[in-house]
């Protein structure tokens, strides 16, 4: 079953003649901005929208390193493996 979000994006794309991908990028960017503002963070995050369910997932992007210098930007190899 497709979500209301999916239907709304398709309707806007058709009515305004805007590529669906552009609308998705705009929504994802807005969610990233909102997340950073609410969480009070500057962390590098990504948002993935599931148009079938309407769910949005936020992912924190960090670099895997041997020696952590900045915990907000880096993660150890062991921790990354545990998180899969």
N, C-alpha and C. Protein backbone atom coordinates (compact mmCIF):
# COMPACT_ATOMS: atom_id res chain seq x y z
N UNK A 1 0.84 -1.18 0.00
CA UNK A 1 0.00 0.00 0.00
C UNK A 1 0.89 1.25 0.00
N UNK A 2 0.61 2.14 -0.89
CA UNK A 2 1.40 3.36 -0.98
C UNK A 2 0.87 4.40 -0.01
N UNK A 3 1.81 5.18 0.51
CA UNK A 3 1.46 6.17 1.53
C UNK A 3 0.83 7.42 0.93
N UNK A 4 0.24 8.22 1.79
CA UNK A 4 -0.31 9.51 1.37
C UNK A 4 0.81 10.42 0.89
N UNK A 5 2.01 10.27 1.48
CA UNK A 5 3.16 11.06 1.06
C UNK A 5 3.49 10.78 -0.40
N UNK A 6 3.47 9.52 -0.77
CA UNK A 6 3.74 9.12 -2.15
C UNK A 6 2.74 9.77 -3.10
N UNK A 7 1.48 9.71 -2.73
CA UNK A 7 0.43 10.30 -3.57
C UNK A 7 0.59 11.81 -3.68
N UNK A 8 0.92 12.46 -2.55
CA UNK A 8 1.08 13.91 -2.55
C UNK A 8 2.26 14.34 -3.42
N UNK A 9 3.37 13.62 -3.34
CA UNK A 9 4.54 13.95 -4.15
C UNK A 9 4.22 13.78 -5.63
N UNK A 10 3.56 12.70 -5.97
CA UNK A 10 3.19 12.48 -7.37
C UNK A 10 2.24 13.55 -7.88
N UNK A 11 1.29 13.97 -7.05
CA UNK A 11 0.34 15.00 -7.45
C UNK A 11 1.04 16.34 -7.67
N UNK A 12 1.91 16.72 -6.74
CA UNK A 12 2.65 17.98 -6.88
C UNK A 12 3.52 17.93 -8.13
N UNK A 13 4.21 16.82 -8.34
CA UNK A 13 5.08 16.68 -9.51
C UNK A 13 4.29 16.84 -10.80
N UNK A 14 3.11 16.24 -10.85
CA UNK A 14 2.29 16.31 -12.07
C UNK A 14 1.71 17.71 -12.27
N UNK A 15 1.18 18.30 -11.20
CA UNK A 15 0.53 19.61 -11.32
C UNK A 15 1.52 20.72 -11.64
N UNK A 16 2.70 20.67 -11.05
CA UNK A 16 3.67 21.76 -11.20
C UNK A 16 4.76 21.46 -12.23
N UNK A 17 4.69 20.26 -12.80
CA UNK A 17 5.70 19.83 -13.77
C UNK A 17 7.11 19.92 -13.18
N UNK A 18 7.25 19.38 -11.98
CA UNK A 18 8.53 19.34 -11.27
C UNK A 18 8.96 17.88 -11.18
N UNK A 19 10.22 17.58 -11.44
CA UNK A 19 10.67 16.19 -11.30
C UNK A 19 10.45 15.67 -9.87
N UNK A 20 9.96 14.46 -9.78
CA UNK A 20 9.69 13.86 -8.47
C UNK A 20 10.94 13.82 -7.59
N UNK A 21 12.09 13.58 -8.20
CA UNK A 21 13.35 13.51 -7.45
C UNK A 21 13.68 14.85 -6.80
N UNK A 22 13.35 15.95 -7.49
CA UNK A 22 13.60 17.29 -6.93
C UNK A 22 12.73 17.52 -5.70
N UNK A 23 11.51 17.06 -5.75
CA UNK A 23 10.61 17.20 -4.60
C UNK A 23 11.13 16.37 -3.43
N UNK A 24 11.55 15.15 -3.72
CA UNK A 24 12.10 14.28 -2.68
C UNK A 24 13.33 14.90 -2.03
N UNK A 25 14.24 15.43 -2.84
CA UNK A 25 15.45 16.08 -2.30
C UNK A 25 15.07 17.26 -1.42
N UNK A 26 14.08 18.02 -1.83
CA UNK A 26 13.63 19.17 -1.03
C UNK A 26 13.07 18.74 0.31
N UNK A 27 12.28 17.68 0.30
CA UNK A 27 11.71 17.17 1.55
C UNK A 27 12.81 16.63 2.45
N UNK A 28 13.75 15.86 1.88
CA UNK A 28 14.85 15.32 2.67
C UNK A 28 15.71 16.44 3.26
N UNK A 29 16.00 17.47 2.48
CA UNK A 29 16.79 18.61 2.98
C UNK A 29 16.06 19.32 4.12
N UNK A 30 14.75 19.48 3.97
CA UNK A 30 13.97 20.13 5.03
C UNK A 30 13.98 19.29 6.30
N UNK A 31 13.89 17.98 6.17
CA UNK A 31 13.93 17.10 7.34
C UNK A 31 15.29 17.13 8.02
N UNK A 32 16.36 17.22 7.24
CA UNK A 32 17.70 17.33 7.81
C UNK A 32 17.83 18.62 8.60
N UNK A 33 17.36 19.72 8.03
CA UNK A 33 17.41 21.02 8.71
C UNK A 33 16.60 20.98 10.00
N UNK A 34 15.41 20.41 9.95
CA UNK A 34 14.56 20.32 11.13
C UNK A 34 15.22 19.44 12.20
N UNK A 35 15.79 18.32 11.80
CA UNK A 35 16.46 17.43 12.75
C UNK A 35 17.61 18.15 13.45
N UNK A 36 18.45 18.83 12.67
CA UNK A 36 19.59 19.55 13.26
C UNK A 36 19.12 20.63 14.22
N UNK A 37 18.07 21.33 13.87
CA UNK A 37 17.56 22.39 14.73
C UNK A 37 16.99 21.81 16.03
N UNK A 38 16.20 20.76 15.94
CA UNK A 38 15.58 20.16 17.12
C UNK A 38 16.63 19.48 17.99
N UNK A 39 17.57 18.77 17.36
CA UNK A 39 18.60 18.05 18.12
C UNK A 39 19.70 18.99 18.62
N UNK A 40 19.74 20.19 18.08
CA UNK A 40 20.78 21.15 18.48
C UNK A 40 22.17 20.67 18.13
N UNK A 41 22.30 20.12 16.93
CA UNK A 41 23.57 19.54 16.51
C UNK A 41 23.95 20.01 15.12
N UNK A 42 25.22 19.89 14.82
CA UNK A 42 25.74 20.18 13.48
C UNK A 42 26.23 18.91 12.80
N UNK A 43 25.87 17.76 13.35
CA UNK A 43 26.38 16.50 12.84
C UNK A 43 25.96 16.28 11.39
N UNK A 44 26.77 15.50 10.71
CA UNK A 44 26.50 15.16 9.33
C UNK A 44 25.46 14.05 9.31
N UNK A 45 24.25 14.37 8.88
CA UNK A 45 23.17 13.39 8.86
C UNK A 45 22.59 13.28 7.47
N UNK A 46 21.92 12.16 7.24
CA UNK A 46 21.22 11.93 5.98
C UNK A 46 19.82 11.43 6.31
N UNK A 47 18.89 11.69 5.44
CA UNK A 47 17.51 11.24 5.62
C UNK A 47 17.14 10.35 4.45
N UNK A 48 16.49 9.24 4.75
CA UNK A 48 16.00 8.34 3.71
C UNK A 48 14.49 8.21 3.87
N UNK A 49 13.75 8.59 2.84
CA UNK A 49 12.30 8.47 2.85
C UNK A 49 11.87 7.16 2.22
N UNK A 50 10.94 6.48 2.86
CA UNK A 50 10.33 5.28 2.30
C UNK A 50 8.94 5.69 1.83
N UNK A 51 8.79 5.85 0.53
CA UNK A 51 7.53 6.34 -0.01
C UNK A 51 6.40 5.32 0.09
N UNK A 52 6.76 4.06 0.20
CA UNK A 52 5.72 3.04 0.33
C UNK A 52 5.03 3.14 1.69
N UNK A 53 5.81 3.32 2.75
CA UNK A 53 5.24 3.36 4.10
C UNK A 53 5.05 4.78 4.62
N UNK A 54 5.77 5.74 4.03
CA UNK A 54 5.71 7.11 4.50
C UNK A 54 6.69 7.38 5.63
N UNK A 55 7.52 6.40 5.98
CA UNK A 55 8.49 6.56 7.06
C UNK A 55 9.72 7.34 6.60
N UNK A 56 10.30 8.06 7.54
CA UNK A 56 11.56 8.76 7.29
C UNK A 56 12.57 8.29 8.32
N UNK A 57 13.78 7.95 7.86
CA UNK A 57 14.83 7.50 8.76
C UNK A 57 15.99 8.49 8.68
N UNK A 58 16.55 8.82 9.84
CA UNK A 58 17.69 9.73 9.91
C UNK A 58 18.92 8.91 10.22
N UNK A 59 19.97 9.11 9.43
CA UNK A 59 21.23 8.40 9.61
C UNK A 59 22.33 9.41 9.94
N UNK A 60 23.13 9.07 10.92
CA UNK A 60 24.28 9.89 11.28
C UNK A 60 25.48 9.38 10.50
N UNK A 61 26.14 10.27 9.80
CA UNK A 61 27.31 9.89 9.00
C UNK A 61 28.57 10.19 9.80
N UNK A 62 29.38 9.14 9.99
CA UNK A 62 30.66 9.31 10.66
C UNK A 62 31.72 8.51 9.92
N UNK A 63 32.95 8.93 10.05
CA UNK A 63 34.07 8.27 9.41
C UNK A 63 34.64 7.22 10.36
N UNK A 64 34.93 6.03 9.83
CA UNK A 64 35.53 4.97 10.64
C UNK A 64 37.04 5.19 10.68
N UNK A 65 37.59 5.30 11.91
CA UNK A 65 39.02 5.56 12.09
C UNK A 65 39.57 4.66 13.18
N UNK A 66 40.90 4.56 13.23
CA UNK A 66 41.54 3.78 14.29
C UNK A 66 41.60 4.56 15.59
N UNK A 67 41.99 5.84 15.51
CA UNK A 67 42.09 6.69 16.69
C UNK A 67 41.10 7.83 16.56
N UNK A 68 40.12 7.87 17.45
CA UNK A 68 39.08 8.88 17.41
C UNK A 68 39.62 10.21 17.93
N UNK A 69 39.46 11.25 17.13
CA UNK A 69 39.84 12.60 17.54
C UNK A 69 38.61 13.45 17.81
N UNK A 70 37.52 13.20 17.08
CA UNK A 70 36.29 13.96 17.24
C UNK A 70 35.12 12.98 17.22
N UNK A 71 34.52 12.72 18.38
CA UNK A 71 33.46 11.72 18.49
C UNK A 71 32.21 12.08 17.69
N UNK A 72 32.02 13.34 17.40
CA UNK A 72 30.85 13.75 16.63
C UNK A 72 31.00 13.38 15.16
N UNK A 73 32.24 13.24 14.70
CA UNK A 73 32.49 12.98 13.29
C UNK A 73 33.09 11.61 13.00
N UNK A 74 33.62 10.96 14.04
CA UNK A 74 34.35 9.71 13.83
C UNK A 74 33.84 8.60 14.75
N UNK A 75 34.08 7.37 14.33
CA UNK A 75 33.68 6.19 15.09
C UNK A 75 34.79 5.16 14.95
N UNK A 76 35.01 4.36 15.99
CA UNK A 76 36.03 3.32 15.92
C UNK A 76 35.52 2.17 15.06
N UNK A 77 36.44 1.36 14.56
CA UNK A 77 36.08 0.23 13.73
C UNK A 77 35.22 -0.77 14.52
N UNK A 78 35.58 -1.01 15.78
CA UNK A 78 34.81 -1.94 16.61
C UNK A 78 33.38 -1.45 16.81
N UNK A 79 33.21 -0.18 17.09
CA UNK A 79 31.88 0.38 17.28
C UNK A 79 31.06 0.33 15.99
N UNK A 80 31.72 0.60 14.88
CA UNK A 80 31.03 0.54 13.59
C UNK A 80 30.57 -0.88 13.27
N UNK A 81 31.39 -1.86 13.60
CA UNK A 81 31.00 -3.26 13.38
C UNK A 81 29.83 -3.65 14.27
N UNK A 82 29.84 -3.18 15.52
CA UNK A 82 28.71 -3.49 16.42
C UNK A 82 27.42 -2.87 15.91
N UNK A 83 27.50 -1.70 15.33
CA UNK A 83 26.32 -1.01 14.81
C UNK A 83 25.90 -1.57 13.44
N UNK A 84 26.83 -2.32 12.84
CA UNK A 84 26.60 -2.92 11.53
C UNK A 84 26.44 -1.85 10.47
